[in-house]
Amino acid sequence: MDGSGIGVSYFAPRAVKTGANSEAVYRMAEATKMNMDEPQDVARFIVRSVIKEKAVAYYGWPEKLFVRINALLPSLVGGALRKQNRIMARFAPKA
């Protein structure tokens, strides 16, 4: 925040392998070919980004590419995500 001495950063890791994930999350990741990262790798990325005073940092490939494509062609990324959502819906808890 300008002039306050407080810095704000936005970090966007992709899915992280943690105990908070259910088996359904891991099955969904496999079905959608979703990349999942080790917590230590994500933590190192965040620490490096803080040290470099990055305001915005995205982790992983192809996620970095999707961010750029989405800025230019949001409907293209939206269409791809809708296809993924149909697969992901199979793994959502039933109400």
PDB file of N, CA and C in Angstrom:
ATOM      1  N   MET A   1       0.860  -1.161   0.000  1.00  0.00           N
ATOM      2  CA  MET A   1       0.000   0.000   0.000  1.00  0.00           C
ATOM      3  C   MET A   1       0.900   1.216   0.000  1.00  0.00           C
ATOM      4  N   ASP A   2       0.709   2.021  -0.970  1.00  0.00           N
ATOM      5  CA  ASP A   2       1.598   3.142  -1.219  1.00  0.00           C
ATOM      6  C   ASP A   2       1.759   4.067  -0.008  1.00  0.00           C
ATOM      7  N   GLY A   3       3.005   4.248   0.409  1.00  0.00           N
ATOM      8  CA  GLY A   3       3.327   5.164   1.487  1.00  0.00           C
ATOM      9  C   GLY A   3       3.122   4.622   2.890  1.00  0.00           C
ATOM     10  N   SER A   4       2.551   3.433   3.031  1.00  0.00           N
ATOM     11  CA  SER A   4       2.251   2.889   4.365  1.00  0.00           C
ATOM     12  C   SER A   4       3.365   1.998   4.894  1.00  0.00           C
ATOM     13  N   GLY A   5       4.272   1.578   4.009  1.00  0.00           N
ATOM     14  CA  GLY A   5       5.293   0.628   4.413  1.00  0.00           C
ATOM     15  C   GLY A   5       4.808  -0.810   4.381  1.00  0.00           C
ATOM     16  N   ILE A   6       3.576  -1.012   3.951  1.00  0.00           N
ATOM     17  CA  ILE A   6       3.000  -2.350   3.871  1.00  0.00           C
ATOM     18  C   ILE A   6       2.953  -2.767   2.411  1.00  0.00           C
ATOM     19  N   GLY A   7       3.478  -3.949   2.125  1.00  0.00           N
ATOM     20  CA  GLY A   7       3.435  -4.469   0.770  1.00  0.00           C
ATOM     21  C   GLY A   7       2.332  -5.499   0.631  1.00  0.00           C
ATOM     22  N   VAL A   8       1.753  -5.566  -0.541  1.00  0.00           N
ATOM     23  CA  VAL A   8       0.698  -6.529  -0.823  1.00  0.00           C
ATOM     24  C   VAL A   8       1.098  -7.301  -2.075  1.00  0.00           C
ATOM     25  N   SER A   9       0.983  -8.611  -2.011  1.00  0.00           N
ATOM     26  CA  SER A   9       1.308  -9.450  -3.149  1.00  0.00           C
ATOM     27  C   SER A   9       0.171 -10.418  -3.411  1.00  0.00           C
ATOM     28  N   TYR A  10       0.039 -10.808  -4.668  1.00  0.00           N
ATOM     29  CA  TYR A  10      -0.946 -11.808  -5.073  1.00  0.00           C
ATOM     30  C   TYR A  10      -0.186 -13.016  -5.599  1.00  0.00           C
ATOM     31  N   PHE A  11      -0.352 -14.160  -4.949  1.00  0.00           N
ATOM     32  CA  PHE A  11       0.288 -15.392  -5.373  1.00  0.00           C
ATOM     33  C   PHE A  11      -0.793 -16.350  -5.855  1.00  0.00           C
ATOM     34  N   ALA A  12      -0.567 -16.950  -6.999  1.00  0.00           N
ATOM     35  CA  ALA A  12      -1.555 -17.869  -7.557  1.00  0.00           C
ATOM     36  C   ALA A  12      -0.908 -19.216  -7.840  1.00  0.00           C
ATOM     37  N   PRO A  13      -0.806 -20.048  -6.806  1.00  0.00           N
ATOM     38  CA  PRO A  13      -0.336 -21.410  -7.074  1.00  0.00           C
ATOM     39  C   PRO A  13      -1.477 -22.201  -7.696  1.00  0.00           C
ATOM     40  N   ARG A  14      -1.129 -23.298  -8.315  1.00  0.00           N
ATOM     41  CA  ARG A  14      -2.186 -24.178  -8.803  1.00  0.00           C
ATOM     42  C   ARG A  14      -2.511 -25.146  -7.669  1.00  0.00           C
ATOM     43  N   ALA A  15      -3.145 -26.240  -7.953  1.00  0.00           N
ATOM     44  CA  ALA A  15      -3.541 -27.177  -6.905  1.00  0.00           C
ATOM     45  C   ALA A  15      -2.315 -27.697  -6.155  1.00  0.00           C
ATOM     46  N   VAL A  16      -2.464 -27.821  -4.849  1.00  0.00           N
ATOM     47  CA  VAL A  16      -1.366 -28.252  -3.984  1.00  0.00           C
ATOM     48  C   VAL A  16      -1.761 -29.558  -3.295  1.00  0.00           C
ATOM     49  N   LYS A  17      -0.827 -30.496  -3.259  1.00  0.00           N
ATOM     50  CA  LYS A  17      -1.062 -31.789  -2.601  1.00  0.00           C
ATOM     51  C   LYS A  17      -0.971 -31.583  -1.085  1.00  0.00           C
ATOM     52  N   THR A  18      -2.118 -31.631  -0.427  1.00  0.00           N
ATOM     53  CA  THR A  18      -2.124 -31.499   1.032  1.00  0.00           C
ATOM     54  C   THR A  18      -3.119 -32.476   1.630  1.00  0.00           C
ATOM     55  N   GLY A  19      -3.056 -32.634   2.926  1.00  0.00           N
ATOM     56  CA  GLY A  19      -3.998 -33.488   3.643  1.00  0.00           C
ATOM     57  C   GLY A  19      -5.414 -32.938   3.618  1.00  0.00           C
ATOM     58  N   ALA A  20      -5.578 -31.670   3.224  1.00  0.00           N
ATOM     59  CA  ALA A  20      -6.913 -31.072   3.158  1.00  0.00           C
ATOM     60  C   ALA A  20      -7.697 -31.587   1.949  1.00  0.00           C
ATOM     61  N   ASN A  21      -7.007 -32.181   0.984  1.00  0.00           N
ATOM     62  CA  ASN A  21      -7.670 -32.701  -0.204  1.00  0.00           C
ATOM     63  C   ASN A  21      -8.247 -34.086   0.074  1.00  0.00           C
ATOM     64  N   SER A  22      -9.437 -34.309  -0.435  1.00  0.00           N
ATOM     65  CA  SER A  22     -10.060 -35.631  -0.311  1.00  0.00           C
ATOM     66  C   SER A  22      -9.572 -36.534  -1.439  1.00  0.00           C
ATOM     67  N   GLU A  23      -9.892 -37.806  -1.339  1.00  0.00           N
ATOM     68  CA  GLU A  23      -9.561 -38.744  -2.413  1.00  0.00           C
ATOM     69  C   GLU A  23     -10.249 -38.330  -3.709  1.00  0.00           C
ATOM     70  N   ALA A  24     -11.450 -37.767  -3.594  1.00  0.00           N
ATOM     71  CA  ALA A  24     -12.177 -37.312  -4.791  1.00  0.00           C
ATOM     72  C   ALA A  24     -11.394 -36.223  -5.512  1.00  0.00           C
ATOM     73  N   VAL A  25     -10.739 -35.349  -4.767  1.00  0.00           N
ATOM     74  CA  VAL A  25      -9.941 -34.287  -5.382  1.00  0.00           C
ATOM     75  C   VAL A  25      -8.798 -34.894  -6.186  1.00  0.00           C
ATOM     76  N   TYR A  26      -8.139 -35.896  -5.630  1.00  0.00           N
ATOM     77  CA  TYR A  26      -7.037 -36.541  -6.344  1.00  0.00           C
ATOM     78  C   TYR A  26      -7.525 -37.306  -7.578  1.00  0.00           C
ATOM     79  N   ARG A  27      -8.695 -37.953  -7.466  1.00  0.00           N
ATOM     80  CA  ARG A  27      -9.259 -38.638  -8.636  1.00  0.00           C
ATOM     81  C   ARG A  27      -9.646 -37.626  -9.711  1.00  0.00           C
ATOM     82  N   MET A  28     -10.217 -36.486  -9.288  1.00  0.00           N
ATOM     83  CA  MET A  28     -10.579 -35.438 -10.232  1.00  0.00           C
ATOM     84  C   MET A  28      -9.335 -34.891 -10.924  1.00  0.00           C
ATOM     85  N   ALA A  29      -8.275 -34.668 -10.166  1.00  0.00           N
ATOM     86  CA  ALA A  29      -7.028 -34.163 -10.741  1.00  0.00           C
ATOM     87  C   ALA A  29      -6.496 -35.115 -11.798  1.00  0.00           C
ATOM     88  N   GLU A  30      -6.580 -36.394 -11.508  1.00  0.00           N
ATOM     89  CA  GLU A  30      -6.114 -37.391 -12.481  1.00  0.00           C
ATOM     90  C   GLU A  30      -6.997 -37.389 -13.729  1.00  0.00           C
ATOM     91  N   ALA A  31      -8.310 -37.330 -13.535  1.00  0.00           N
ATOM     92  CA  ALA A  31      -9.246 -37.362 -14.661  1.00  0.00           C
ATOM     93  C   ALA A  31      -9.100 -36.139 -15.564  1.00  0.00           C
ATOM     94  N   THR A  32      -8.792 -34.995 -14.966  1.00  0.00           N
ATOM     95  CA  THR A  32      -8.672 -33.748 -15.745  1.00  0.00           C
ATOM     96  C   THR A  32      -7.233 -33.438 -16.124  1.00  0.00           C
ATOM     97  N   LYS A  33      -6.314 -34.314 -15.746  1.00  0.00           N
ATOM     98  CA  LYS A  33      -4.883 -34.098 -15.996  1.00  0.00           C
ATOM     99  C   LYS A  33      -4.396 -32.795 -15.370  1.00  0.00           C
ATOM    100  N   MET A  34      -4.965 -32.485 -14.192  1.00  0.00           N
ATOM    101  CA  MET A  34      -4.622 -31.268 -13.463  1.00  0.00           C
ATOM    102  C   MET A  34      -3.268 -31.443 -12.768  1.00  0.00           C
ATOM    103  N   ASN A  35      -2.416 -30.470 -12.907  1.00  0.00           N
ATOM    104  CA  ASN A  35      -1.128 -30.499 -12.216  1.00  0.00           C
ATOM    105  C   ASN A  35      -1.341 -30.200 -10.740  1.00  0.00           C
ATOM    106  N   MET A  36      -0.689 -30.987  -9.895  1.00  0.00           N
ATOM    107  CA  MET A  36      -0.728 -30.737  -8.456  1.00  0.00           C
ATOM    108  C   MET A  36       0.709 -30.688  -7.958  1.00  0.00           C
ATOM    109  N   ASP A  37       0.985 -29.712  -7.128  1.00  0.00           N
ATOM    110  CA  ASP A  37       2.352 -29.477  -6.671  1.00  0.00           C
ATOM    111  C   ASP A  37       2.537 -29.844  -5.213  1.00  0.00           C
ATOM    112  N   GLU A  38       3.784 -30.147  -4.882  1.00  0.00           N
ATOM    113  CA  GLU A  38       4.142 -30.434  -3.499  1.00  0.00           C
ATOM    114  C   GLU A  38       4.135 -29.125  -2.699  1.00  0.00           C
ATOM    115  N   PRO A  39       3.646 -29.170  -1.454  1.00  0.00           N
ATOM    116  CA  PRO A  39       3.581 -27.959  -0.642  1.00  0.00           C
ATOM    117  C   PRO A  39       4.937 -27.253  -0.498  1.00  0.00           C
ATOM    118  N   GLN A  40       6.027 -28.040  -0.372  1.00  0.00           N
ATOM    119  CA  GLN A  40       7.349 -27.445  -0.216  1.00  0.00           C
ATOM    120  C   GLN A  40       7.740 -26.623  -1.446  1.00  0.00           C
ATOM    121  N   ASP A  41       7.390 -27.107  -2.632  1.00  0.00           N
ATOM    122  CA  ASP A  41       7.713 -26.385  -3.862  1.00  0.00           C
ATOM    123  C   ASP A  41       6.952 -25.065  -3.932  1.00  0.00           C
ATOM    124  N   VAL A  42       5.676 -25.104  -3.556  1.00  0.00           N
ATOM    125  CA  VAL A  42       4.864 -23.892  -3.576  1.00  0.00           C
ATOM    126  C   VAL A  42       5.382 -22.903  -2.528  1.00  0.00           C
ATOM    127  N   ALA A  43       5.738 -23.397  -1.363  1.00  0.00           N
ATOM    128  CA  ALA A  43       6.270 -22.515  -0.312  1.00  0.00           C
ATOM    129  C   ALA A  43       7.561 -21.845  -0.769  1.00  0.00           C
ATOM    130  N   ARG A  44       8.458 -22.607  -1.412  1.00  0.00           N
ATOM    131  CA  ARG A  44       9.703 -22.014  -1.924  1.00  0.00           C
ATOM    132  C   ARG A  44       9.415 -20.927  -2.956  1.00  0.00           C
ATOM    133  N   PHE A  45       8.451 -21.200  -3.836  1.00  0.00           N
ATOM    134  CA  PHE A  45       8.052 -20.217  -4.850  1.00  0.00           C
ATOM    135  C   PHE A  45       7.562 -18.928  -4.188  1.00  0.00           C
ATOM    136  N   ILE A  46       6.715 -19.060  -3.181  1.00  0.00           N
ATOM    137  CA  ILE A  46       6.176 -17.882  -2.500  1.00  0.00           C
ATOM    138  C   ILE A  46       7.286 -17.109  -1.795  1.00  0.00           C
ATOM    139  N   VAL A  47       8.168 -17.815  -1.098  1.00  0.00           N
ATOM    140  CA  VAL A  47       9.276 -17.139  -0.397  1.00  0.00           C
ATOM    141  C   VAL A  47      10.167 -16.399  -1.392  1.00  0.00           C
ATOM    142  N   ARG A  48      10.518 -17.062  -2.504  1.00  0.00           N
ATOM    143  CA  ARG A  48      11.349 -16.392  -3.533  1.00  0.00           C
ATOM    144  C   ARG A  48      10.647 -15.158  -4.086  1.00  0.00           C
ATOM    145  N   SER A  49       9.341 -15.272  -4.296  1.00  0.00           N
ATOM    146  CA  SER A  49       8.577 -14.145  -4.824  1.00  0.00           C
ATOM    147  C   SER A  49       8.538 -12.981  -3.839  1.00  0.00           C
ATOM    148  N   VAL A  50       8.410 -13.292  -2.556  1.00  0.00           N
ATOM    149  CA  VAL A  50       8.418 -12.239  -1.529  1.00  0.00           C
ATOM    150  C   VAL A  50       9.784 -11.561  -1.488  1.00  0.00           C
ATOM    151  N   ILE A  51      10.848 -12.359  -1.507  1.00  0.00           N
ATOM    152  CA  ILE A  51      12.207 -11.800  -1.485  1.00  0.00           C
ATOM    153  C   ILE A  51      12.428 -10.879  -2.683  1.00  0.00           C
ATOM    154  N   LYS A  52      11.896 -11.276  -3.843  1.00  0.00           N
ATOM    155  CA  LYS A  52      12.040 -10.459  -5.059  1.00  0.00           C
ATOM    156  C   LYS A  52      11.039  -9.304  -5.106  1.00  0.00           C
ATOM    157  N   GLU A  53      10.193  -9.208  -4.063  1.00  0.00           N
ATOM    158  CA  GLU A  53       9.170  -8.161  -3.942  1.00  0.00           C
ATOM    159  C   GLU A  53       8.230  -8.130  -5.145  1.00  0.00           C
ATOM    160  N   LYS A  54       7.843  -9.315  -5.591  1.00  0.00           N
ATOM    161  CA  LYS A  54       6.892  -9.408  -6.709  1.00  0.00           C
ATOM    162  C   LYS A  54       5.494  -9.060  -6.212  1.00  0.00           C
ATOM    163  N   ALA A  55       4.817  -8.239  -6.967  1.00  0.00           N
ATOM    164  CA  ALA A  55       3.440  -7.877  -6.611  1.00  0.00           C
ATOM    165  C   ALA A  55       2.468  -8.971  -7.030  1.00  0.00           C
ATOM    166  N   VAL A  56       2.796  -9.667  -8.130  1.00  0.00           N
ATOM    167  CA  VAL A  56       1.949 -10.731  -8.663  1.00  0.00           C
ATOM    168  C   VAL A  56       2.852 -11.878  -9.096  1.00  0.00           C
ATOM    169  N   ALA A  57       2.495 -13.099  -8.742  1.00  0.00           N
ATOM    170  CA  ALA A  57       3.305 -14.250  -9.131  1.00  0.00           C
ATOM    171  C   ALA A  57       2.404 -15.459  -9.368  1.00  0.00           C
ATOM    172  N   TYR A  58       2.537 -16.059 -10.545  1.00  0.00           N
ATOM    173  CA  TYR A  58       1.786 -17.263 -10.913  1.00  0.00           C
ATOM    174  C   TYR A  58       2.750 -18.435 -10.944  1.00  0.00           C
ATOM    175  N   TYR A  59       2.300 -19.582 -10.447  1.00  0.00           N
ATOM    176  CA  TYR A  59       3.157 -20.757 -10.358  1.00  0.00           C
ATOM    177  C   TYR A  59       2.717 -21.806 -11.355  1.00  0.00           C
ATOM    178  N   GLY A  60       3.671 -22.357 -12.055  1.00  0.00           N
ATOM    179  CA  GLY A  60       3.406 -23.530 -12.879  1.00  0.00           C
ATOM    180  C   GLY A  60       3.116 -23.237 -14.334  1.00  0.00           C
ATOM    181  N   TRP A  61       3.443 -24.222 -15.130  1.00  0.00           N
ATOM    182  CA  TRP A  61       3.161 -24.191 -16.550  1.00  0.00           C
ATOM    183  C   TRP A  61       2.134 -25.284 -16.815  1.00  0.00           C
ATOM    184  N   PRO A  62       1.063 -25.096 -17.490  1.00  0.00           N
ATOM    185  CA  PRO A  62       0.734 -24.017 -18.421  1.00  0.00           C
ATOM    186  C   PRO A  62      -0.057 -22.877 -17.804  1.00  0.00           C
ATOM    187  N   GLU A  63      -0.197 -22.867 -16.487  1.00  0.00           N
ATOM    188  CA  GLU A  63      -0.995 -21.823 -15.833  1.00  0.00           C
ATOM    189  C   GLU A  63      -0.513 -20.416 -16.184  1.00  0.00           C
ATOM    190  N   LYS A  64       0.794 -20.224 -16.228  1.00  0.00           N
ATOM    191  CA  LYS A  64       1.322 -18.898 -16.585  1.00  0.00           C
ATOM    192  C   LYS A  64       0.857 -18.496 -17.982  1.00  0.00           C
ATOM    193  N   LEU A  65       0.807 -19.456 -18.884  1.00  0.00           N
ATOM    194  CA  LEU A  65       0.344 -19.187 -20.239  1.00  0.00           C
ATOM    195  C   LEU A  65      -1.151 -18.859 -20.238  1.00  0.00           C
ATOM    196  N   PHE A  66      -1.951 -19.610 -19.479  1.00  0.00           N
ATOM    197  CA  PHE A  66      -3.391 -19.366 -19.420  1.00  0.00           C
ATOM    198  C   PHE A  66      -3.706 -17.956 -18.939  1.00  0.00           C
ATOM    199  N   VAL A  67      -2.944 -17.465 -17.990  1.00  0.00           N
ATOM    200  CA  VAL A  67      -3.161 -16.105 -17.478  1.00  0.00           C
ATOM    201  C   VAL A  67      -3.011 -15.103 -18.616  1.00  0.00           C
ATOM    202  N   ARG A  68      -1.986 -15.273 -19.417  1.00  0.00           N
ATOM    203  CA  ARG A  68      -1.744 -14.347 -20.530  1.00  0.00           C
ATOM    204  C   ARG A  68      -2.797 -14.487 -21.630  1.00  0.00           C
ATOM    205  N   ILE A  69      -3.153 -15.731 -21.954  1.00  0.00           N
ATOM    206  CA  ILE A  69      -4.186 -15.947 -22.967  1.00  0.00           C
ATOM    207  C   ILE A  69      -5.520 -15.382 -22.484  1.00  0.00           C
ATOM    208  N   ASN A  70      -5.837 -15.597 -21.211  1.00  0.00           N
ATOM    209  CA  ASN A  70      -7.095 -15.104 -20.656  1.00  0.00           C
ATOM    210  C   ASN A  70      -7.181 -13.582 -20.734  1.00  0.00           C
ATOM    211  N   ALA A  71      -6.049 -12.900 -20.570  1.00  0.00           N
ATOM    212  CA  ALA A  71      -6.046 -11.438 -20.675  1.00  0.00           C
ATOM    213  C   ALA A  71      -6.387 -10.986 -22.090  1.00  0.00           C
ATOM    214  N   LEU A  72      -5.967 -11.773 -23.082  1.00  0.00           N
ATOM    215  CA  LEU A  72      -6.198 -11.409 -24.480  1.00  0.00           C
ATOM    216  C   LEU A  72      -7.483 -11.996 -25.057  1.00  0.00           C
ATOM    217  N   LEU A  73      -7.749 -13.248 -24.714  1.00  0.00           N
ATOM    218  CA  LEU A  73      -8.890 -13.978 -25.287  1.00  0.00           C
ATOM    219  C   LEU A  73      -9.665 -14.718 -24.192  1.00  0.00           C
ATOM    220  N   PRO A  74     -10.366 -13.992 -23.332  1.00  0.00           N
ATOM    221  CA  PRO A  74     -11.036 -14.656 -22.205  1.00  0.00           C
ATOM    222  C   PRO A  74     -12.057 -15.708 -22.618  1.00  0.00           C
ATOM    223  N   SER A  75     -12.716 -15.544 -23.751  1.00  0.00           N
ATOM    224  CA  SER A  75     -13.712 -16.537 -24.151  1.00  0.00           C
ATOM    225  C   SER A  75     -13.065 -17.862 -24.520  1.00  0.00           C
ATOM    226  N   LEU A  76     -11.845 -17.836 -25.017  1.00  0.00           N
ATOM    227  CA  LEU A  76     -11.127 -19.067 -25.348  1.00  0.00           C
ATOM    228  C   LEU A  76     -10.830 -19.875 -24.086  1.00  0.00           C
ATOM    229  N   VAL A  77     -10.324 -19.202 -23.076  1.00  0.00           N
ATOM    230  CA  VAL A  77     -10.030 -19.875 -21.802  1.00  0.00           C
ATOM    231  C   VAL A  77     -11.330 -20.306 -21.133  1.00  0.00           C
ATOM    232  N   GLY A  78     -12.350 -19.458 -21.202  1.00  0.00           N
ATOM    233  CA  GLY A  78     -13.647 -19.800 -20.609  1.00  0.00           C
ATOM    234  C   GLY A  78     -14.215 -21.076 -21.200  1.00  0.00           C
ATOM    235  N   GLY A  79     -14.104 -21.229 -22.519  1.00  0.00           N
ATOM    236  CA  GLY A  79     -14.597 -22.444 -23.172  1.00  0.00           C
ATOM    237  C   GLY A  79     -13.844 -23.678 -22.717  1.00  0.00           C
ATOM    238  N   ALA A  80     -12.533 -23.551 -22.587  1.00  0.00           N
ATOM    239  CA  ALA A  80     -11.722 -24.679 -22.120  1.00  0.00           C
ATOM    240  C   ALA A  80     -12.088 -25.050 -20.687  1.00  0.00           C
ATOM    241  N   LEU A  81     -12.325 -24.046 -19.857  1.00  0.00           N
ATOM    242  CA  LEU A  81     -12.687 -24.312 -18.461  1.00  0.00           C
ATOM    243  C   LEU A  81     -14.073 -24.940 -18.348  1.00  0.00           C
ATOM    244  N   ARG A  82     -14.992 -24.544 -19.217  1.00  0.00           N
ATOM    245  CA  ARG A  82     -16.323 -25.169 -19.189  1.00  0.00           C
ATOM    246  C   ARG A  82     -16.224 -26.663 -19.482  1.00  0.00           C
ATOM    247  N   LYS A  83     -15.357 -27.040 -20.409  1.00  0.00           N
ATOM    248  CA  LYS A  83     -15.163 -28.465 -20.704  1.00  0.00           C
ATOM    249  C   LYS A  83     -14.614 -29.190 -19.481  1.00  0.00           C
ATOM    250  N   GLN A  84     -13.650 -28.564 -18.808  1.00  0.00           N
ATOM    251  CA  GLN A  84     -13.083 -29.166 -17.597  1.00  0.00           C
ATOM    252  C   GLN A  84     -14.144 -29.272 -16.504  1.00  0.00           C
ATOM    253  N   ASN A  85     -15.001 -28.260 -16.394  1.00  0.00           N
ATOM    254  CA  ASN A  85     -16.034 -28.270 -15.355  1.00  0.00           C
ATOM    255  C   ASN A  85     -16.980 -29.451 -15.500  1.00  0.00           C
ATOM    256  N   ARG A  86     -17.283 -29.842 -16.732  1.00  0.00           N
ATOM    257  CA  ARG A  86     -18.163 -31.007 -16.938  1.00  0.00           C
ATOM    258  C   ARG A  86     -17.522 -32.270 -16.361  1.00  0.00           C
ATOM    259  N   ILE A  87     -16.220 -32.397 -16.527  1.00  0.00           N
ATOM    260  CA  ILE A  87     -15.509 -33.554 -15.957  1.00  0.00           C
ATOM    261  C   ILE A  87     -15.465 -33.422 -14.440  1.00  0.00           C
ATOM    262  N   MET A  88     -15.130 -32.225 -13.963  1.00  0.00           N
ATOM    263  CA  MET A  88     -14.994 -32.009 -12.526  1.00  0.00           C
ATOM    264  C   MET A  88     -16.299 -32.226 -11.767  1.00  0.00           C
ATOM    265  N   ALA A  89     -17.421 -31.936 -12.409  1.00  0.00           N
ATOM    266  CA  ALA A  89     -18.726 -32.075 -11.751  1.00  0.00           C
ATOM    267  C   ALA A  89     -18.966 -33.498 -11.255  1.00  0.00           C
ATOM    268  N   ARG A  90     -18.385 -34.472 -11.924  1.00  0.00           N
ATOM    269  CA  ARG A  90     -18.550 -35.879 -11.511  1.00  0.00           C
ATOM    270  C   ARG A  90     -17.987 -36.130 -10.107  1.00  0.00           C
ATOM    271  N   PHE A  91     -17.062 -35.288  -9.680  1.00  0.00           N
ATOM    272  CA  PHE A  91     -16.387 -35.504  -8.413  1.00  0.00           C
ATOM    273  C   PHE A  91     -16.923 -34.627  -7.283  1.00  0.00           C
ATOM    274  N   ALA A  92     -17.883 -33.766  -7.593  1.00  0.00           N
ATOM    275  CA  ALA A  92     -18.450 -32.874  -6.586  1.00  0.00           C
ATOM    276  C   ALA A  92     -19.324 -33.663  -5.626  1.00  0.00           C
ATOM    277  N   PRO A  93     -19.301 -33.301  -4.346  1.00  0.00           N
ATOM    278  CA  PRO A  93     -20.170 -33.996  -3.383  1.00  0.00           C
ATOM    279  C   PRO A  93     -21.631 -33.831  -3.772  1.00  0.00           C
ATOM    280  N   LYS A  94     -22.398 -34.866  -3.585  1.00  0.00           N
ATOM    281  CA  LYS A  94     -23.831 -34.828  -3.891  1.00  0.00           C
ATOM    282  C   LYS A  94     -24.549 -34.158  -2.733  1.00  0.00           C
ATOM    283  N   ALA A  95     -25.501 -33.288  -3.072  1.00  0.00           N
ATOM    284  CA  ALA A  95     -26.250 -32.559  -2.023  1.00  0.00           C
ATOM    285  C   ALA A  95     -27.257 -33.437  -1.338  1.00  0.00           C
TER     286      ALA A  95
END
